[in-house]
């Protein structure tokens, strides 16, 4: 479901030609699209305004996680959407985060005395930030007097933010900032302090576990996606003039179910702090999917796409904060099978879950592991109209309400 629309098709179009995780490419491409549309389009959740502000934090091993490759791929797609998109990524890009004052200066708040030559990259407040060493940000947050993470929390939440130092107060209004961060699972868990967890720095980010999906010894020529990307560029141009984007009636009905599923799955403790902004993020993602479709309202497909990516993010977070490693394939497989009342076939696992990016041998090994644990059984389905199919049925513990809701509507929303 997360592969909805032109933006999902574009990512899947280049997935066979890169070692990067397609989900990592997708999350960053959605964030960049949200940056392009600017501050005007927004939706509301409980009366609170939410703009197309998506902040993915990629979690994966150094080098082999291919986080940098996924960022390159997302920019490759975005630059080709339009001349405006290419210029935006080149001229509005801030590489790295250091201090609150430096970030405010880049947003046009005016250079502080210590940085007289600082450049206002985004005098209108529209800025795109790449922080590929996010561990540095968490290290700086522990220093006395550093207010960077406090400022980031303000800028995710609101359009206005500032520092109130007595000597040199700085403030920015109508800021629309997009932050993309990269970190290892070990670095995130080790450096994220209890105060940052409680304060909510982590839950402003969409945590995306990633790893390389294949090995390519040679660079492959990519397909022609010009028409698809041109459509996205036109949608971004149109979206810059949009203001309030509401859910349509059917999406409103679906939201009632989504909201309760999110509440049912809400964990406690540190993990609960990390995942505290599920409703907000699902709606922000749904907004971006709707804008990328050129739609005037959020439809059920947009809401389900946003929920699907959020669900992936929750599993990524669980992998880090529950067992110290990024989201594993075995856990993803367990959720996929458990969510289907009638079970899954190996073909569905190969095509729908891993999208051909895992070998059939690797899938068999994961299935054998779950069966040895007593979580799966095989059942022969003879009502196929052809050759009997072997279905894998979940017999283990209950998984989660969001996965069950996504499974219920995986062929489309039907109340």
Protein backbone atom coordinates (compact mmCIF):
# COMPACT_ATOMS: atom_id res chain seq x y z
CA UNK A 1 0.00 0.00 0.00
CA UNK A 2 2.90 2.37 0.65
CA UNK A 3 3.76 2.11 -3.05
CA UNK A 4 0.63 4.05 -3.95
CA UNK A 5 0.54 6.47 -6.86
CA UNK A 6 3.17 7.92 -9.15
CA UNK A 7 5.73 8.37 -6.39
CA UNK A 8 5.51 4.70 -5.41
CA UNK A 9 5.72 3.63 -9.05
CA UNK A 10 8.79 5.81 -9.58
CA UNK A 11 10.62 4.23 -6.64
CA UNK A 12 9.70 0.72 -7.74
CA UNK A 13 10.85 1.67 -11.23
CA UNK A 14 14.45 2.15 -10.09
CA UNK A 15 14.48 -0.49 -7.32
CA UNK A 16 15.89 -3.28 -9.54
CA UNK A 17 18.77 -0.97 -10.56
CA UNK A 18 20.12 -0.09 -7.11
CA UNK A 19 21.39 -1.84 -3.99
CA UNK A 20 19.46 0.60 -1.77
CA UNK A 21 16.38 -0.41 0.21
CA UNK A 22 13.27 0.73 -1.74
CA UNK A 23 11.51 1.77 1.49
CA UNK A 24 14.42 4.08 2.34
CA UNK A 25 14.23 5.64 -1.13
CA UNK A 26 10.46 6.05 -0.80
CA UNK A 27 10.56 7.73 2.62
CA UNK A 28 13.16 10.25 1.46
CA UNK A 29 11.38 10.90 -1.84
CA UNK A 30 8.16 11.64 0.06
CA UNK A 31 10.08 14.00 2.35
CA UNK A 32 11.58 15.84 -0.63
CA UNK A 33 8.19 16.13 -2.31
CA UNK A 34 6.84 17.60 0.94
CA UNK A 35 9.69 20.12 0.89
CA UNK A 36 8.87 21.12 -2.69
CA UNK A 37 5.19 21.86 -2.02
CA UNK A 38 6.06 24.34 0.71
CA UNK A 39 4.20 25.68 3.70
CA UNK A 40 0.75 26.30 2.22
CA UNK A 41 -0.89 22.84 1.93
CA UNK A 42 -1.95 21.35 5.25
CA UNK A 43 -4.41 19.06 6.95
CA UNK A 44 -5.68 18.94 10.53
CA UNK A 45 -5.73 16.32 13.27
CA UNK A 46 -7.83 17.17 16.30
CA UNK A 47 -7.82 20.81 15.27
CA UNK A 48 -4.00 20.95 15.03
CA UNK A 49 -2.50 22.00 11.69
CA UNK A 50 -0.08 19.55 10.06
CA UNK A 51 1.88 20.45 6.95
CA UNK A 52 3.67 18.24 4.41
CA UNK A 53 6.64 17.99 6.76
CA UNK A 54 8.15 14.48 6.77
CA UNK A 55 11.47 13.86 8.57
CA UNK A 56 12.82 10.36 7.83
CA UNK A 57 15.64 9.03 10.00
CA UNK A 58 17.24 6.07 8.24
CA UNK A 59 18.60 3.37 10.55
CA UNK A 60 21.01 0.88 9.08
CA UNK A 61 24.55 -0.47 9.23
CA UNK A 62 27.45 1.62 8.00
CA UNK A 63 28.34 1.15 4.33
CA UNK A 64 26.30 -2.00 3.70
CA UNK A 65 23.09 -0.30 4.84
CA UNK A 66 23.30 1.75 1.63
CA UNK A 67 21.72 4.77 3.35
CA UNK A 68 23.77 7.15 1.22
CA UNK A 69 22.83 5.26 -1.93
CA UNK A 70 19.14 5.54 -1.07
CA UNK A 71 19.53 9.30 -0.56
CA UNK A 72 21.24 9.61 -3.94
CA UNK A 73 18.41 7.64 -5.55
CA UNK A 74 15.70 9.78 -3.94
CA UNK A 75 17.44 12.94 -5.17
CA UNK A 76 17.87 11.37 -8.62
CA UNK A 77 14.10 11.01 -8.82
CA UNK A 78 13.26 14.40 -7.30
CA UNK A 79 15.64 16.44 -9.48
CA UNK A 80 13.96 15.04 -12.58
CA UNK A 81 10.50 16.17 -11.51
CA UNK A 82 11.04 19.75 -12.68
CA UNK A 83 13.54 22.56 -13.07
CA UNK A 84 12.22 24.04 -9.83
CA UNK A 85 12.84 20.76 -7.98
CA UNK A 86 16.41 20.51 -9.25
CA UNK A 87 17.15 24.12 -8.30
CA UNK A 88 15.50 23.72 -4.89
CA UNK A 89 17.65 20.73 -3.92
CA UNK A 90 20.77 22.55 -5.08
CA UNK A 91 20.17 25.99 -3.56
CA UNK A 92 18.09 25.24 -0.44
CA UNK A 93 20.21 22.38 0.90
CA UNK A 94 21.94 22.63 4.28
CA UNK A 95 24.53 19.92 4.86
CA UNK A 96 24.63 19.03 8.54
CA UNK A 97 23.26 20.55 11.73
CA UNK A 98 25.48 22.21 14.31
CA UNK A 99 23.74 24.88 16.40
CA UNK A 100 20.30 26.39 16.75
CA UNK A 101 21.73 29.78 15.78
CA UNK A 102 23.27 28.37 12.60
CA UNK A 103 19.99 26.75 11.57
CA UNK A 104 18.01 29.93 12.26
CA UNK A 105 20.52 31.90 10.21
CA UNK A 106 20.07 29.52 7.27
CA UNK A 107 16.32 30.11 7.61
CA UNK A 108 16.83 33.86 7.26
CA UNK A 109 16.64 34.91 10.91
CA UNK A 110 19.77 37.06 10.55
CA UNK A 111 23.41 36.19 11.25
CA UNK A 112 24.42 36.16 14.92
CA UNK A 113 27.51 38.16 15.90
CA UNK A 114 29.73 35.05 16.05
CA UNK A 115 28.81 34.15 12.47
CA UNK A 116 28.88 37.44 10.51
CA UNK A 117 29.41 35.65 7.20
CA UNK A 118 26.65 33.07 7.71
CA UNK A 119 24.46 32.67 4.68
CA UNK A 120 20.67 32.80 4.66
CA UNK A 121 20.03 29.85 2.36
CA UNK A 122 16.27 30.14 2.74
CA UNK A 123 15.18 33.70 3.50
CA UNK A 124 11.57 32.62 2.93
CA UNK A 125 11.92 29.76 5.44
CA UNK A 126 11.83 26.83 2.96
CA UNK A 127 14.88 24.67 3.72
CA UNK A 128 16.01 21.10 3.10
CA UNK A 129 18.58 19.56 5.48
CA UNK A 130 20.75 16.47 5.03
CA UNK A 131 22.37 15.17 8.22
CA UNK A 132 24.04 11.90 7.28
CA UNK A 133 25.84 11.72 10.63
CA UNK A 134 22.84 12.17 12.91
CA UNK A 135 24.81 10.75 15.82
CA UNK A 136 26.60 14.13 15.91
CA UNK A 137 23.29 15.89 16.56
CA UNK A 138 22.55 13.61 19.50
CA UNK A 139 26.06 14.16 20.86
CA UNK A 140 25.66 17.94 20.65
CA UNK A 141 22.29 17.74 22.39
CA UNK A 142 24.09 16.61 25.55
CA UNK A 143 26.23 19.75 25.72
CA UNK A 144 25.24 22.47 28.14
CA UNK A 145 23.54 25.37 26.40
CA UNK A 146 22.94 23.57 23.10
CA UNK A 147 19.35 24.21 22.04
CA UNK A 148 19.42 22.59 18.59
CA UNK A 149 17.13 19.65 19.37
CA UNK A 150 14.71 21.98 21.16
CA UNK A 151 14.59 24.14 18.02
CA UNK A 152 14.06 21.07 15.81
CA UNK A 153 11.07 20.05 17.92
CA UNK A 154 9.59 23.54 17.48
CA UNK A 155 10.14 23.53 13.71
CA UNK A 156 8.53 20.12 13.24
CA UNK A 157 5.52 21.23 15.26
CA UNK A 158 5.08 24.82 14.17
CA UNK A 159 6.01 27.38 11.53
CA UNK A 160 7.61 29.79 14.00
CA UNK A 161 10.59 29.20 16.26
CA UNK A 162 13.53 31.00 17.78
CA UNK A 163 16.08 31.36 20.53
CA UNK A 164 15.58 33.79 23.36
CA UNK A 165 19.17 34.57 24.27
CA UNK A 166 19.39 37.91 25.99
CA UNK A 167 22.25 39.21 23.83
CA UNK A 168 21.01 38.11 20.43
CA UNK A 169 17.43 36.82 20.14
CA UNK A 170 16.72 35.13 16.81
CA UNK A 171 13.34 34.19 15.40
CA UNK A 172 11.90 32.85 12.17
CA UNK A 173 8.27 32.78 11.05
CA UNK A 174 6.64 30.74 8.28
CA UNK A 175 9.47 28.20 8.26
CA UNK A 176 9.02 24.96 6.33
CA UNK A 177 12.02 22.75 6.99
CA UNK A 178 12.58 19.16 5.92
CA UNK A 179 15.26 17.12 7.72
CA UNK A 180 16.65 13.80 6.51
CA UNK A 181 18.93 11.96 8.93
CA UNK A 182 21.05 8.80 8.81
CA UNK A 183 22.31 6.77 11.78
CA UNK A 184 23.15 3.22 12.82
CA UNK A 185 20.88 1.29 15.18
CA UNK A 186 23.69 1.08 17.72
CA UNK A 187 24.35 4.82 17.49
CA UNK A 188 20.70 5.73 17.92
CA UNK A 189 20.15 3.57 20.96
CA UNK A 190 23.44 4.57 22.60
CA UNK A 191 23.26 8.31 21.98
CA UNK A 192 19.56 9.04 22.40
CA UNK A 193 19.32 10.15 26.02
CA UNK A 194 16.33 9.64 28.29
CA UNK A 195 15.74 13.39 28.26
CA UNK A 196 15.58 13.41 24.46
CA UNK A 197 13.20 10.45 24.53
CA UNK A 198 10.96 12.15 27.06
CA UNK A 199 11.25 15.52 25.31
CA UNK A 200 10.12 14.06 22.01
CA UNK A 201 13.09 14.60 19.69
CA UNK A 202 12.94 11.02 18.41
CA UNK A 203 9.21 11.00 17.75
CA UNK A 204 9.47 13.94 15.36
CA UNK A 205 11.33 11.59 13.02
CA UNK A 206 9.98 8.75 10.90
CA UNK A 207 12.31 5.87 11.80
CA UNK A 208 13.07 3.72 8.75
CA UNK A 209 15.15 0.57 9.15
CA UNK A 210 17.09 -0.25 6.00
CA UNK A 211 19.75 -2.50 4.52
CA UNK A 212 21.07 -3.31 1.06
CA UNK A 213 18.64 -5.50 -0.86
CA UNK A 214 20.90 -6.91 -3.55
CA UNK A 215 24.48 -6.83 -4.85
CA UNK A 216 25.18 -5.12 -8.17
CA UNK A 217 28.78 -5.26 -9.34
CA UNK A 218 28.01 -3.02 -12.32
CA UNK A 219 25.95 0.12 -12.71
CA UNK A 220 22.79 -0.59 -14.70
CA UNK A 221 21.08 1.77 -17.09
CA UNK A 222 17.89 3.01 -15.48
CA UNK A 223 14.49 3.01 -17.18
CA UNK A 224 12.96 6.12 -18.70
CA UNK A 225 10.72 7.58 -16.00
CA UNK A 226 10.50 11.06 -17.53
CA UNK A 227 6.73 11.11 -18.02
CA UNK A 228 6.03 9.74 -14.54
CA UNK A 229 8.38 12.22 -12.89
CA UNK A 230 7.02 15.11 -14.96
CA UNK A 231 3.56 14.26 -13.59
CA UNK A 232 4.94 14.50 -10.05
CA UNK A 233 6.58 17.83 -10.85
CA UNK A 234 3.28 19.21 -12.11
CA UNK A 235 1.53 17.91 -8.98
CA UNK A 236 4.10 19.67 -6.77
CA UNK A 237 3.62 22.93 -8.68
CA UNK A 238 -0.15 22.66 -8.29
CA UNK A 239 0.15 21.81 -4.58
CA UNK A 240 2.04 25.00 -3.76
CA UNK A 241 -1.21 26.91 -4.26
CA UNK A 242 -3.30 24.50 -2.14
CA UNK A 243 -4.32 25.33 1.41
CA UNK A 244 -6.49 23.07 3.60
CA UNK A 245 -6.76 19.44 2.43
CA UNK A 246 -9.54 17.57 4.19
CA UNK A 247 -10.33 13.87 4.29
CA UNK A 248 -13.23 12.89 2.07
CA UNK A 249 -16.24 11.16 3.64
CA UNK A 250 -14.94 7.62 3.11
CA UNK A 251 -11.49 8.52 4.40
CA UNK A 252 -13.16 10.11 7.41
CA UNK A 253 -14.94 6.85 8.16
CA UNK A 254 -11.70 4.91 7.68
CA UNK A 255 -9.84 7.32 9.97
CA UNK A 256 -12.06 6.24 12.86
CA UNK A 257 -10.77 2.67 12.42
CA UNK A 258 -7.17 3.79 11.91
CA UNK A 259 -7.20 5.95 15.01
CA UNK A 260 -8.44 3.11 17.21
CA UNK A 261 -5.92 0.67 15.70
CA UNK A 262 -3.09 3.11 16.45
CA UNK A 263 -4.34 3.46 20.02
CA UNK A 264 -4.56 -0.33 20.46
CA UNK A 265 -0.95 -0.76 19.35
CA UNK A 266 0.57 2.10 21.37
CA UNK A 267 3.43 0.70 23.48
CA UNK A 268 4.68 2.02 26.81
CA UNK A 269 8.07 3.15 28.09
CA UNK A 270 10.85 4.37 25.79
CA UNK A 271 9.28 2.79 22.73
CA UNK A 272 5.99 4.53 23.54
CA UNK A 273 7.79 7.88 23.58
CA UNK A 274 9.40 7.17 20.20
CA UNK A 275 6.06 6.22 18.59
CA UNK A 276 3.89 8.84 20.27
CA UNK A 277 3.06 10.77 17.08
CA UNK A 278 1.46 8.03 15.03
CA UNK A 279 -1.81 9.86 14.27
CA UNK A 280 0.06 13.00 13.21
CA UNK A 281 2.51 11.14 10.99
CA UNK A 282 -0.14 8.99 9.31
CA UNK A 283 -2.03 12.14 8.34
CA UNK A 284 1.10 13.99 7.19
CA UNK A 285 2.02 11.06 4.99
CA UNK A 286 -1.54 10.80 3.68
CA UNK A 287 -1.40 14.52 2.84
CA UNK A 288 1.80 14.07 0.81
CA UNK A 289 0.39 11.05 -1.03
CA UNK A 290 -2.75 13.06 -1.87
CA UNK A 291 -0.75 16.05 -3.11
CA UNK A 292 1.47 13.77 -5.21
CA UNK A 293 -1.72 12.44 -6.83
CA UNK A 294 -2.89 15.98 -7.58
CA UNK A 295 -5.94 15.30 -5.39
CA UNK A 296 -7.96 18.00 -3.64
CA UNK A 297 -8.93 15.71 -0.74
CA UNK A 298 -7.36 12.84 1.18
CA UNK A 299 -8.94 9.57 0.02
CA UNK A 300 -8.85 6.12 1.69
CA UNK A 301 -5.95 5.00 -0.52
CA UNK A 302 -3.85 7.93 0.69
CA UNK A 303 -4.66 7.18 4.31
CA UNK A 304 -3.84 3.48 3.91
CA UNK A 305 -0.56 4.32 2.14
CA UNK A 306 0.43 6.60 5.01
CA UNK A 307 -0.58 3.99 7.57
CA UNK A 308 1.42 1.32 5.76
CA UNK A 309 4.63 3.35 5.85
CA UNK A 310 3.99 4.33 9.47
CA UNK A 311 3.56 0.65 10.34
CA UNK A 312 6.93 -0.08 8.76
CA UNK A 313 8.41 2.73 10.87
CA UNK A 314 6.93 1.29 14.08
CA UNK A 315 8.49 -2.08 13.33
CA UNK A 316 11.82 -0.37 12.66
CA UNK A 317 11.58 1.36 16.04
CA UNK A 318 10.67 -1.88 17.80
CA UNK A 319 13.72 -3.53 16.30
CA UNK A 320 15.99 -0.84 17.74
CA UNK A 321 14.44 -0.25 21.15
CA UNK A 322 13.22 -3.75 21.93
CA UNK A 323 16.19 -5.86 20.87
CA UNK A 324 18.92 -3.44 19.79
CA UNK A 325 18.90 -4.24 16.07
CA UNK A 326 17.12 -2.76 13.08
CA UNK A 327 13.96 -4.37 11.75
CA UNK A 328 14.63 -7.97 10.73
CA UNK A 329 13.20 -9.87 7.78
CA UNK A 330 11.91 -12.67 10.01
CA UNK A 331 9.80 -10.23 12.03
CA UNK A 332 8.48 -8.58 8.86
CA UNK A 333 7.57 -12.02 7.53
CA UNK A 334 5.84 -12.94 10.79
CA UNK A 335 3.71 -9.77 10.66
CA UNK A 336 2.87 -10.35 6.99
CA UNK A 337 1.63 -13.89 7.57
CA UNK A 338 -0.10 -13.16 10.89
CA UNK A 339 -2.11 -10.31 9.35
CA UNK A 340 -3.73 -12.63 6.78
CA UNK A 341 -6.62 -14.65 8.16
CA UNK A 342 -6.32 -17.16 5.32
CA UNK A 343 -2.54 -17.34 5.47
CA UNK A 344 0.02 -16.62 2.74
CA UNK A 345 1.69 -18.55 -0.04
CA UNK A 346 5.42 -18.43 -0.65
CA UNK A 347 4.71 -16.67 -3.94
CA UNK A 348 2.86 -13.88 -2.09
CA UNK A 349 5.79 -13.55 0.31
CA UNK A 350 8.25 -13.33 -2.58
CA UNK A 351 6.27 -10.80 -4.64
CA UNK A 352 4.12 -8.79 -2.19
CA UNK A 353 6.35 -8.58 0.89
CA UNK A 354 9.92 -8.66 -0.42
CA UNK A 355 9.08 -7.61 -3.99
CA UNK A 356 11.59 -10.07 -5.41
CA UNK A 357 14.46 -8.64 -3.34
CA UNK A 358 15.01 -11.83 -1.31
CA UNK A 359 15.89 -15.22 -2.78
CA UNK A 360 13.46 -18.10 -2.50
CA UNK A 361 16.10 -19.99 -0.53
CA UNK A 362 16.31 -17.15 2.01
CA UNK A 363 12.52 -17.10 2.31
CA UNK A 364 12.42 -20.88 2.85
CA UNK A 365 14.99 -20.53 5.64
CA UNK A 366 12.89 -17.86 7.38
CA UNK A 367 9.75 -19.96 7.03
CA UNK A 368 11.57 -22.99 8.46
CA UNK A 369 12.71 -20.87 11.41
CA UNK A 370 9.14 -19.75 12.20
CA UNK A 371 7.81 -23.29 11.82
CA UNK A 372 10.48 -24.63 14.16
CA UNK A 373 9.38 -22.00 16.67
CA UNK A 374 5.82 -23.30 16.40
CA UNK A 375 4.47 -20.06 14.88
CA UNK A 376 3.49 -21.47 11.47
CA UNK A 377 1.77 -24.48 9.99
CA UNK A 378 1.31 -25.48 6.36
CA UNK A 379 -2.14 -26.13 4.91
CA UNK A 380 -3.04 -27.33 1.43
CA UNK A 381 -5.60 -25.13 -0.33
CA UNK A 382 -7.42 -27.16 -2.99
CA UNK A 383 -10.01 -24.46 -3.82
CA UNK A 384 -7.77 -22.63 -6.26
CA UNK A 385 -9.39 -23.62 -9.54
CA UNK A 386 -6.09 -25.20 -10.53
CA UNK A 387 -3.14 -26.78 -8.82
CA UNK A 388 -3.41 -26.94 -5.00
CA UNK A 389 -1.53 -24.19 -3.16
CA UNK A 390 0.42 -24.54 0.07
CA UNK A 391 -0.61 -21.77 2.45
CA UNK A 392 1.29 -20.78 5.58
CA UNK A 393 -1.01 -20.08 8.54
CA UNK A 394 -0.01 -18.14 11.64
CA UNK A 395 -0.39 -20.07 14.90
CA UNK A 396 1.78 -17.88 17.13
CA UNK A 397 0.94 -14.97 19.39
CA UNK A 398 -1.26 -12.03 18.31
CA UNK A 399 0.70 -9.50 16.23
CA UNK A 400 -0.82 -6.00 15.92
CA UNK A 401 -4.07 -4.18 15.16
CA UNK A 402 -2.61 -1.93 12.44
CA UNK A 403 -1.28 -4.93 10.50
CA UNK A 404 -4.71 -6.55 10.69
CA UNK A 405 -6.41 -3.38 9.44
CA UNK A 406 -3.97 -3.08 6.54
CA UNK A 407 -4.59 -6.70 5.64
CA UNK A 408 -8.36 -6.19 5.78
CA UNK A 409 -8.17 -3.42 3.19
CA UNK A 410 -5.17 -4.51 1.14
CA UNK A 411 -7.35 -4.75 -1.98
CA UNK A 412 -8.97 -1.37 -1.31
CA UNK A 413 -11.23 0.20 1.28
CA UNK A 414 -14.71 -1.29 1.39
CA UNK A 415 -16.71 -0.26 4.49
